[in-house]
Amino acid sequence: MITVAAVDDDRMLLDGLRSWLAGAEGLRLVAAVPTVDALLARPDPRAADVVLLDLVLGDGSTPERNVRRVRASGSRVLVISTVADRTRILAAVAAGADGYLTKDHDLQTLAAAVATVASGATAHSPELAFAWVHDTCPDRPRLAPRERQVLVDYASGLTLKATARRAGISAHTAKYYLDRVKEKYQEAGRPAYTKTDLARRVREDALDTGPDA
């Protein structure tokens, strides 16, 4: 059973989520509140497995701070919104959000995204992929398609030789691409020295989704 909390200042949406999730197999709603403050002030100290967090709340809080506070409480975060605001979406993901969906998706899609996030993976969506493709933030390096392919395959757990075979190149060339990737992240102020670091950058930048994945 995956426990879910919802943070949204739209009372009608919260009521709708209560009804929706009541009939969703394997999901249990444990809180439906208008602010992160209210979520963290609950009498029950146990964190929900996944928090559905509205991108923009009416209390003046920022998506980044909200995501960080929820993650610090022990929950994973699936951001939801009515509008695909690219700047705020990317800020929320950079702060630690585990996925993004617009609110016009159906219950089946939402339930699948919650399960993905609860498993420790990132819930991708067309809106998130679009935001990354059009991202011009200077701390997200521009990777060539082959650099990205080698990075994603290597960071997924493949050995350097297996990564090279999949890309149809030599291990020496694959290492060259990985070194270039590391250099670009270093130049962007986000060093990635180890395989674990590279895997973290793939998750942060959602590089395993989108047209070039």
Protein backbone atom coordinates (compact mmCIF):
# COMPACT_ATOMS: atom_id res chain seq x y z
CA MET A 1 0.00 0.00 0.00
CA ILE A 2 1.44 3.37 -1.05
CA THR A 3 0.50 6.24 1.25
CA VAL A 4 -0.20 9.54 -0.47
CA ALA A 5 -0.61 13.12 0.76
CA ALA A 6 -1.88 16.03 -1.32
CA VAL A 7 -0.88 19.67 -0.89
CA ASP A 8 -3.04 22.02 -2.93
CA ASP A 9 -4.93 25.24 -2.15
CA ASP A 10 -7.80 24.28 -4.47
CA ARG A 11 -10.42 22.75 -2.15
CA MET A 12 -12.40 21.31 -5.04
CA LEU A 13 -9.32 19.53 -6.33
CA LEU A 14 -8.57 18.13 -2.88
CA ASP A 15 -12.13 16.83 -2.65
CA GLY A 16 -11.72 15.30 -6.08
CA LEU A 17 -8.49 13.60 -5.08
CA ARG A 18 -10.17 12.17 -2.00
CA SER A 19 -12.85 10.61 -4.20
CA TRP A 20 -10.39 9.46 -6.86
CA LEU A 21 -7.89 7.89 -4.52
CA ALA A 22 -10.60 6.20 -2.46
CA GLY A 23 -11.13 3.90 -5.43
CA ALA A 24 -7.50 3.50 -6.45
CA GLU A 25 -6.13 0.06 -5.68
CA GLY A 26 -2.88 0.10 -3.74
CA LEU A 27 -3.06 3.81 -2.84
CA ARG A 28 -4.21 5.37 0.43
CA LEU A 29 -4.67 9.10 0.98
CA VAL A 30 -3.42 10.09 4.43
CA ALA A 31 -3.60 13.90 4.18
CA ALA A 32 -5.13 16.59 1.98
CA VAL A 33 -4.01 20.08 3.03
CA PRO A 34 -3.57 23.55 1.49
CA THR A 35 0.07 24.26 2.45
CA VAL A 36 3.33 22.51 3.21
CA ASP A 37 3.19 24.06 6.69
CA ALA A 38 -0.09 22.26 7.28
CA LEU A 39 1.34 19.01 5.97
CA LEU A 40 4.36 19.15 8.25
CA ALA A 41 2.23 20.14 11.25
CA ARG A 42 0.07 17.00 11.09
CA PRO A 43 -0.30 15.12 14.38
CA ASP A 44 0.76 11.91 12.62
CA PRO A 45 4.55 12.21 12.30
CA ARG A 46 4.84 9.48 9.67
CA ALA A 47 5.69 10.85 6.25
CA ALA A 48 3.58 9.82 3.29
CA ASP A 49 5.40 7.75 0.69
CA VAL A 50 4.51 10.26 -2.02
CA VAL A 51 3.28 13.85 -1.75
CA LEU A 52 1.27 15.33 -4.62
CA LEU A 53 2.45 18.93 -4.48
CA ASP A 54 0.83 21.78 -6.37
CA LEU A 55 3.45 23.71 -8.31
CA VAL A 56 2.24 27.13 -7.15
CA LEU A 57 0.50 27.56 -3.81
CA GLY A 58 -1.36 30.66 -2.70
CA ASP A 59 0.70 31.28 0.44
CA GLY A 60 3.58 32.91 -1.42
CA SER A 61 5.90 29.91 -1.05
CA THR A 62 8.23 28.90 -3.86
CA PRO A 63 8.20 25.51 -5.58
CA GLU A 64 11.87 24.95 -4.73
CA ARG A 65 11.45 25.54 -1.00
CA ASN A 66 8.28 23.47 -0.85
CA VAL A 67 9.96 20.54 -2.58
CA ARG A 68 13.01 20.70 -0.32
CA ARG A 69 10.88 20.81 2.83
CA VAL A 70 8.75 17.86 1.77
CA ARG A 71 11.78 15.82 0.73
CA ALA A 72 13.46 16.63 4.06
CA SER A 73 10.42 15.19 5.85
CA GLY A 74 11.04 11.82 4.22
CA SER A 75 8.50 11.85 1.38
CA ARG A 76 9.08 11.71 -2.34
CA VAL A 77 7.43 14.44 -4.41
CA LEU A 78 5.24 14.38 -7.52
CA VAL A 79 4.54 17.95 -8.61
CA ILE A 80 1.18 18.67 -10.24
CA SER A 81 -0.13 21.85 -11.84
CA THR A 82 -2.77 23.29 -14.14
CA VAL A 83 -0.18 25.12 -16.21
CA ALA A 84 3.09 23.84 -17.66
CA ASP A 85 5.30 26.68 -16.36
CA ARG A 86 8.71 25.56 -17.64
CA THR A 87 10.82 27.74 -15.34
CA ARG A 88 9.02 26.64 -12.20
CA ILE A 89 8.88 23.00 -13.28
CA LEU A 90 12.63 22.87 -13.78
CA ALA A 91 13.24 24.69 -10.49
CA ALA A 92 11.09 22.12 -8.68
CA VAL A 93 12.88 19.17 -10.28
CA ALA A 94 16.28 20.71 -9.55
CA ALA A 95 15.19 21.05 -5.90
CA GLY A 96 14.46 17.32 -5.72
CA ALA A 97 10.98 16.69 -7.17
CA ASP A 98 10.60 13.16 -8.53
CA GLY A 99 8.26 13.96 -11.40
CA TYR A 100 5.72 16.37 -12.87
CA LEU A 101 2.20 16.03 -14.25
CA THR A 102 -0.41 18.52 -15.34
CA LYS A 103 -3.76 18.14 -13.62
CA ASP A 104 -5.63 17.18 -16.78
CA HIS A 105 -4.29 13.61 -16.70
CA ASP A 106 -6.65 10.79 -15.77
CA LEU A 107 -6.56 8.75 -12.57
CA GLN A 108 -4.80 5.83 -14.22
CA THR A 109 -1.92 8.07 -15.32
CA LEU A 110 -1.73 9.69 -11.89
CA ALA A 111 -1.74 6.33 -10.11
CA ALA A 112 1.01 5.03 -12.41
CA ALA A 113 3.11 8.14 -11.75
CA VAL A 114 2.66 7.77 -7.99
CA ALA A 115 3.77 4.14 -8.17
CA THR A 116 6.81 5.12 -10.25
CA VAL A 117 7.83 7.81 -7.77
CA ALA A 118 7.25 5.52 -4.79
CA SER A 119 9.58 2.95 -6.37
CA GLY A 120 12.40 5.48 -6.40
CA ALA A 121 12.24 6.34 -10.09
CA THR A 122 11.35 9.59 -11.83
CA ALA A 123 7.83 10.02 -13.22
CA HIS A 124 8.33 11.45 -16.68
CA SER A 125 5.64 13.17 -18.70
CA PRO A 126 5.44 14.95 -22.05
CA GLU A 127 5.25 18.27 -20.18
CA LEU A 128 8.45 17.55 -18.26
CA ALA A 129 10.25 16.41 -21.39
CA PHE A 130 9.15 19.59 -23.19
CA ALA A 131 10.41 21.73 -20.32
CA TRP A 132 13.84 20.03 -20.43
CA VAL A 133 14.12 20.27 -24.21
CA HIS A 134 13.49 24.02 -24.05
CA ASP A 135 15.63 24.61 -20.98
CA THR A 136 18.23 27.36 -21.39
CA CYS A 137 19.52 27.32 -17.80
CA PRO A 138 23.32 27.73 -17.82
CA ASP A 139 23.87 24.99 -15.21
CA ARG A 140 22.42 22.35 -17.53
CA PRO A 141 25.17 21.59 -20.04
CA ARG A 142 24.42 21.11 -23.69
CA LEU A 143 25.20 17.49 -24.54
CA ALA A 144 25.57 16.16 -28.06
CA PRO A 145 23.20 13.26 -28.85
CA ARG A 146 26.00 10.67 -28.69
CA GLU A 147 27.33 12.12 -25.42
CA ARG A 148 23.88 11.88 -23.95
CA GLN A 149 23.38 8.31 -25.18
CA VAL A 150 26.68 7.15 -23.69
CA LEU A 151 25.99 8.96 -20.41
CA VAL A 152 22.50 7.51 -19.98
CA ASP A 153 23.58 3.96 -20.83
CA TYR A 154 26.67 4.08 -18.61
CA ALA A 155 24.81 5.69 -15.71
CA SER A 156 22.08 3.03 -15.95
CA GLY A 157 24.59 0.45 -14.73
CA LEU A 158 26.25 -0.81 -17.90
CA THR A 159 30.00 -1.28 -17.98
CA LEU A 160 32.06 0.95 -20.24
CA LYS A 161 32.50 -1.94 -22.71
CA ALA A 162 28.76 -2.70 -22.74
CA THR A 163 28.00 1.00 -23.19
CA ALA A 164 30.37 1.13 -26.14
CA ARG A 165 28.84 -1.98 -27.74
CA ARG A 166 25.34 -0.55 -27.45
CA ALA A 167 26.47 2.68 -29.11
CA GLY A 168 28.44 0.84 -31.79
CA ILE A 169 31.71 2.52 -30.86
CA SER A 170 34.99 1.51 -29.23
CA ALA A 171 35.48 1.59 -25.48
CA HIS A 172 38.13 4.27 -26.03
CA THR A 173 35.62 6.47 -27.85
CA ALA A 174 32.97 5.86 -25.19
CA LYS A 175 35.45 6.97 -22.52
CA TYR A 176 36.17 10.09 -24.55
CA TYR A 177 32.46 10.95 -24.61
CA LEU A 178 32.16 10.38 -20.85
CA ASP A 179 35.18 12.57 -20.21
CA ARG A 180 33.59 15.31 -22.33
CA VAL A 181 30.35 14.98 -20.34
CA LYS A 182 32.27 15.31 -17.06
CA GLU A 183 34.08 18.37 -18.40
CA LYS A 184 30.79 20.01 -19.38
CA TYR A 185 29.25 19.38 -15.96
CA GLN A 186 32.41 20.72 -14.33
CA GLU A 187 32.18 23.88 -16.43
CA ALA A 188 28.50 24.24 -15.46
CA GLY A 189 29.42 24.14 -11.77
CA ARG A 190 27.95 20.69 -11.18
CA PRO A 191 30.90 18.28 -11.00
CA ALA A 192 30.27 14.60 -11.73
CA TYR A 193 33.38 12.64 -10.88
CA THR A 194 31.97 9.16 -10.30
CA LYS A 195 29.42 6.84 -11.88
CA THR A 196 27.08 7.63 -8.97
CA ASP A 197 27.50 11.35 -9.68
CA LEU A 198 26.69 10.79 -13.35
CA ALA A 199 23.58 8.77 -12.47
CA ARG A 200 22.47 11.63 -10.22
CA ARG A 201 22.90 14.15 -13.06
CA VAL A 202 20.83 11.91 -15.36
CA ARG A 203 18.00 11.90 -12.79
CA GLU A 204 18.27 15.62 -12.05
CA ASP A 205 18.23 16.61 -15.71
CA ALA A 206 15.74 13.91 -16.79
CA LEU A 207 18.16 12.85 -19.51
CA ASP A 208 16.58 9.41 -19.84
CA THR A 209 13.44 10.90 -21.34
CA GLY A 210 12.65 13.15 -24.26
CA PRO A 211 13.37 12.94 -27.99
CA ASP A 212 17.08 12.33 -27.63
CA ALA A 213 16.89 9.52 -25.07
